[in-house]
Protein backbone atom coordinates (compact mmCIF):
# COMPACT_ATOMS: atom_id res chain seq x y z
CA UNK A 1 177.50 156.17 -83.84
CA UNK A 2 177.22 152.59 -84.62
CA UNK A 3 175.98 152.08 -88.07
CA UNK A 4 175.04 148.60 -89.35
CA UNK A 5 174.73 146.89 -92.75
CA UNK A 6 171.39 146.02 -94.47
CA UNK A 7 172.32 142.47 -93.86
CA UNK A 8 172.91 142.73 -90.39
CA UNK A 9 169.65 144.60 -89.91
CA UNK A 10 167.98 141.58 -91.47
CA UNK A 11 169.76 139.02 -89.13
CA UNK A 12 168.77 141.03 -86.15
CA UNK A 13 165.05 141.65 -87.52
CA UNK A 14 165.06 137.41 -88.24
CA UNK A 15 166.32 136.68 -84.24
CA UNK A 16 163.72 138.89 -83.01
CA UNK A 17 161.00 137.43 -84.76
CA UNK A 18 160.67 133.91 -83.89
CA UNK A 19 160.89 134.69 -79.98
CA UNK A 20 158.27 137.72 -80.54
CA UNK A 21 156.07 135.10 -82.69
CA UNK A 22 156.11 132.66 -80.03
CA UNK A 23 155.72 134.84 -77.13
CA UNK A 24 152.83 136.90 -79.07
CA UNK A 25 150.86 133.63 -79.65
CA UNK A 26 151.05 132.64 -76.14
CA UNK A 27 149.75 136.07 -74.64
CA UNK A 28 146.89 135.97 -77.28
CA UNK A 29 145.77 132.51 -76.45
CA UNK A 30 146.31 132.54 -72.50
CA UNK A 31 143.41 134.03 -70.09
CA UNK A 32 143.28 137.90 -69.00
CA UNK A 33 146.18 138.81 -71.68
CA UNK A 34 143.81 138.12 -74.58
CA UNK A 35 140.67 139.88 -73.63
CA UNK A 36 139.19 142.30 -76.11
CA UNK A 37 139.41 144.90 -73.34
CA UNK A 38 142.95 145.14 -73.61
CA UNK A 39 144.17 147.56 -76.34
CA UNK A 40 146.13 145.75 -79.45
CA UNK A 41 149.12 148.05 -78.85
CA UNK A 42 149.55 147.25 -75.23
CA UNK A 43 149.69 143.48 -76.42
CA UNK A 44 152.16 144.12 -79.06
CA UNK A 45 153.94 146.10 -76.65
CA UNK A 46 154.08 143.56 -73.71
CA UNK A 47 155.05 141.18 -76.30
CA UNK A 48 157.85 143.39 -77.31
CA UNK A 49 159.09 143.85 -74.08
CA UNK A 50 159.20 140.02 -73.45
CA UNK A 51 161.01 139.41 -76.48
CA UNK A 52 163.75 142.08 -75.27
CA UNK A 53 163.99 140.48 -71.98
CA UNK A 54 164.13 136.73 -73.93
CA UNK A 55 167.89 138.31 -75.20
CA UNK A 56 168.82 139.02 -71.41
CA UNK A 57 168.41 135.09 -70.92
CA UNK A 58 169.60 133.29 -74.55
CA UNK A 59 171.20 133.83 -77.69
CA UNK A 60 169.23 135.23 -80.94
CA UNK A 61 168.93 132.01 -83.64
CA UNK A 62 169.13 133.53 -87.11
CA UNK A 63 166.75 131.06 -89.37
CA UNK A 64 165.29 132.92 -92.77
CA UNK A 65 161.71 132.58 -92.59
CA UNK A 66 161.51 132.84 -96.60
CA UNK A 67 162.83 129.07 -96.63
CA UNK A 68 160.66 126.18 -96.33
CA UNK A 69 162.74 125.20 -92.94
CA UNK A 70 162.26 128.69 -91.76
CA UNK A 71 158.60 129.08 -92.46
CA UNK A 72 157.91 125.62 -90.76
CA UNK A 73 159.87 126.62 -87.72
CA UNK A 74 157.48 129.96 -87.50
CA UNK A 75 154.78 127.74 -87.71
CA UNK A 76 156.02 125.77 -84.93
CA UNK A 77 156.45 129.29 -82.68
CA UNK A 78 152.79 129.67 -83.22
CA UNK A 79 151.53 126.68 -82.27
CA UNK A 80 153.70 125.96 -79.10
CA UNK A 81 152.50 129.76 -77.82
CA UNK A 82 148.93 128.62 -78.71
CA UNK A 83 149.08 125.23 -76.88
CA UNK A 84 150.67 126.51 -73.86
CA UNK A 85 148.05 129.55 -73.81
CA UNK A 86 145.30 126.92 -74.17
CA UNK A 87 146.25 124.99 -71.33
CA UNK A 88 145.39 127.76 -69.16
CA UNK A 89 142.35 129.26 -70.98
CA UNK A 90 140.92 125.45 -70.20
CA UNK A 91 140.72 126.89 -66.36
CA UNK A 92 138.53 129.83 -67.17
CA UNK A 93 136.35 127.85 -69.41
CA UNK A 94 135.81 125.20 -66.77
CA UNK A 95 134.73 127.90 -64.27
CA UNK A 96 132.23 129.54 -67.09
CA UNK A 97 130.80 126.24 -67.48
CA UNK A 98 130.44 125.55 -63.77
CA UNK A 99 128.80 129.00 -63.55
CA UNK A 100 126.71 128.39 -65.98
CA UNK A 101 125.27 125.58 -64.45
CA UNK A 102 124.52 127.18 -61.16
CA UNK A 103 123.09 130.05 -63.03
CA UNK A 104 120.44 127.58 -64.96
CA UNK A 105 119.74 125.85 -61.64
CA UNK A 106 119.39 129.34 -60.07
CA UNK A 107 116.89 130.53 -62.90
CA UNK A 108 119.46 133.23 -64.03
CA UNK A 109 120.40 131.23 -67.42
CA UNK A 110 119.00 134.20 -69.19
CA UNK A 111 120.76 137.02 -66.95
CA UNK A 112 123.63 137.23 -69.15
CA UNK A 113 126.53 140.02 -68.67
CA UNK A 114 129.26 140.69 -71.40
CA UNK A 115 132.56 139.08 -70.77
CA UNK A 116 135.11 140.70 -73.16
CA UNK A 117 137.08 137.26 -73.09
CA UNK A 118 134.32 134.68 -73.31
CA UNK A 119 131.38 136.88 -74.76
CA UNK A 120 128.25 136.61 -73.36
CA UNK A 121 127.92 134.57 -70.06
CA UNK A 122 125.62 134.29 -67.06
CA UNK A 123 126.23 136.50 -63.98
CA UNK A 124 127.23 133.38 -62.03
CA UNK A 125 130.06 132.71 -64.39
CA UNK A 126 130.97 136.65 -64.28
CA UNK A 127 131.14 136.68 -60.90
CA UNK A 128 133.23 133.20 -60.56
CA UNK A 129 135.39 134.59 -63.45
CA UNK A 130 136.31 137.80 -61.60
CA UNK A 131 137.18 135.98 -58.34
CA UNK A 132 139.51 133.30 -60.47
CA UNK A 133 141.42 136.44 -61.58
CA UNK A 134 142.14 137.74 -58.28
CA UNK A 135 143.13 134.36 -57.40
CA UNK A 136 145.14 134.18 -60.33
CA UNK A 137 146.68 137.23 -58.94
CA UNK A 138 147.52 136.38 -55.27
CA UNK A 139 148.99 133.10 -56.35
CA UNK A 140 151.41 134.81 -58.71
CA UNK A 141 150.06 133.47 -61.51
CA UNK A 142 151.05 136.17 -63.61
CA UNK A 143 154.63 135.81 -62.80
CA UNK A 144 154.54 131.73 -62.83
CA UNK A 145 153.15 132.08 -66.52
CA UNK A 146 155.75 134.40 -67.85
CA UNK A 147 158.72 131.85 -65.98
CA UNK A 148 156.80 129.19 -67.58
CA UNK A 149 157.13 130.82 -71.38
CA UNK A 150 160.54 131.57 -70.88
CA UNK A 151 161.42 127.67 -69.71
CA UNK A 152 159.83 126.55 -73.02
CA UNK A 153 162.51 128.15 -74.81
CA UNK A 154 164.88 125.72 -72.93
CA UNK A 155 162.68 122.90 -73.50
CA UNK A 156 161.73 123.68 -77.30
CA UNK A 157 164.57 125.22 -78.61
CA UNK A 158 163.81 127.78 -81.53
CA UNK A 159 164.37 125.92 -84.66
CA UNK A 160 164.56 122.59 -83.37
CA UNK A 161 162.25 119.42 -84.16
CA UNK A 162 159.34 119.45 -82.24
CA UNK A 163 157.20 116.42 -81.01
CA UNK A 164 154.39 118.13 -82.35
CA UNK A 165 151.47 115.18 -81.45
CA UNK A 166 153.38 114.64 -77.63
CA UNK A 167 151.78 118.33 -77.17
CA UNK A 168 148.92 118.30 -78.92
CA UNK A 169 148.00 114.67 -76.79
CA UNK A 170 148.99 116.52 -73.63
CA UNK A 171 146.18 119.15 -74.28
CA UNK A 172 143.72 117.23 -75.44
CA UNK A 173 144.34 114.60 -71.94
CA UNK A 174 143.95 117.89 -69.82
CA UNK A 175 141.10 119.38 -71.48
CA UNK A 176 138.42 117.05 -69.99
CA UNK A 177 138.59 119.67 -67.02
CA UNK A 178 136.46 121.95 -68.73
CA UNK A 179 133.57 119.48 -67.95
CA UNK A 180 134.84 117.87 -65.05
CA UNK A 181 136.16 121.22 -63.27
CA UNK A 182 132.72 123.08 -64.15
CA UNK A 183 130.57 119.96 -62.47
CA UNK A 184 132.82 119.84 -59.43
CA UNK A 185 132.26 123.46 -58.87
CA UNK A 186 128.24 123.40 -59.85
CA UNK A 187 127.06 119.90 -58.30
CA UNK A 188 126.80 121.30 -54.81
CA UNK A 189 125.05 124.14 -55.64
CA UNK A 190 122.83 121.74 -58.22
CA UNK A 191 122.15 119.09 -55.44
CA UNK A 192 120.95 121.72 -52.98
CA UNK A 193 118.60 123.50 -55.70
CA UNK A 194 117.50 120.19 -56.89
CA UNK A 195 116.16 119.29 -53.21
CA UNK A 196 114.81 122.91 -53.22
CA UNK A 197 112.49 122.28 -56.12
CA UNK A 198 111.51 118.89 -54.95
CA UNK A 199 110.10 120.78 -51.96
CA UNK A 200 108.38 123.05 -54.06
CA UNK A 201 107.02 120.76 -55.68
CA UNK A 202 105.60 118.84 -52.93
CA UNK A 203 104.04 122.38 -51.54
CA UNK A 204 102.75 122.82 -55.18
CA UNK A 205 100.92 119.22 -54.69
CA UNK A 206 99.57 119.92 -51.16
CA UNK A 207 98.01 123.23 -52.18
CA UNK A 208 97.31 123.38 -55.87
CA UNK A 209 95.88 127.05 -55.58
CA UNK A 210 99.71 128.00 -54.51
CA UNK A 211 100.88 130.21 -57.93
CA UNK A 212 104.32 127.87 -57.69
CA UNK A 213 105.85 130.61 -60.56
CA UNK A 214 105.17 133.42 -58.24
CA UNK A 215 106.62 131.91 -55.07
CA UNK A 216 108.93 129.34 -56.53
CA UNK A 217 111.18 131.71 -58.58
CA UNK A 218 112.22 134.27 -55.99
CA UNK A 219 112.37 131.52 -53.44
CA UNK A 220 114.71 129.85 -55.83
CA UNK A 221 116.66 132.32 -56.04
CA UNK A 222 116.85 133.80 -52.70
CA UNK A 223 117.98 130.54 -51.55
CA UNK A 224 120.75 130.07 -54.11
CA UNK A 225 122.18 132.96 -53.40
CA UNK A 226 122.48 132.32 -49.93
CA UNK A 227 123.58 128.77 -50.61
CA UNK A 228 126.66 130.27 -52.69
CA UNK A 229 127.86 132.60 -50.07
CA UNK A 230 128.08 129.35 -47.66
CA UNK A 231 129.91 127.56 -50.91
CA UNK A 232 132.25 130.25 -51.96
CA UNK A 233 135.05 128.94 -49.64
CA UNK A 234 135.04 125.77 -51.22
CA UNK A 235 134.72 126.94 -54.81
CA UNK A 236 137.47 129.41 -54.29
CA UNK A 237 139.75 126.64 -53.01
CA UNK A 238 138.42 124.60 -56.21
CA UNK A 239 139.73 126.99 -58.58
CA UNK A 240 143.02 127.57 -56.96
CA UNK A 241 143.40 123.99 -57.18
CA UNK A 242 142.61 124.92 -61.14
CA UNK A 243 145.20 127.12 -61.39
CA UNK A 244 148.15 125.35 -59.62
CA UNK A 245 147.20 122.00 -61.83
CA UNK A 246 147.26 123.87 -64.54
CA UNK A 247 150.90 125.28 -63.97
CA UNK A 248 151.99 121.86 -63.36
CA UNK A 249 150.44 120.67 -66.46
CA UNK A 250 152.39 122.96 -68.32
CA UNK A 251 155.49 121.80 -66.43
CA UNK A 252 154.93 118.32 -67.45
CA UNK A 253 154.30 119.36 -70.82
CA UNK A 254 157.56 121.41 -71.06
CA UNK A 255 159.28 118.37 -69.30
CA UNK A 256 161.16 120.73 -66.76
């Protein structure tokens, strides 16, 4: 039976703590793993499993977190994990913004559903996020994400000085996708529904006795639903490009 001295156990804990902190921060900030519907015990468990996998590829580093340098290194691990996770979260935010714009154009802005990751979101946003999750899994995004976070230990070794401003600037440069990506998703639908609204306005002017609320509101929802079905192939291609671009952005950030 193997026995360990107290100092050896402490060193083993310190070796485990730093990679576990980075992996936990990454999973808590990234999409899908961070949803509230996933039990906290599962999150801790999967972070623990990933940490043990870390020791299959890298040697442990003993840093005392109770010292000034050790505490700074621990905060650095949290920063790296959060930055990498938020880089992927930006895609989910762009899809949500696009769905919000489409819902407002269709008159469904008040029809909300509860998303465990983003809170109350319109039904179109929820629908697009479900599709984005399926696309993410189909392109093996979960495996790419795990590969990227393990490569981060090569690009940013534990305990080594970090280019904080470089990573932060890369995230800031990537963040406009929230609005540009949402606009790309929603713009065709918004233009088409705007033309429908213009047509309804012309009809109202031609027949003032017509109740535009009773006729126009169902018509916009019906036309919007039909147009969304025809627009889905292009929307799905855009979402796939967003995910692939996010992985490419992470690779650039890591300098792989």
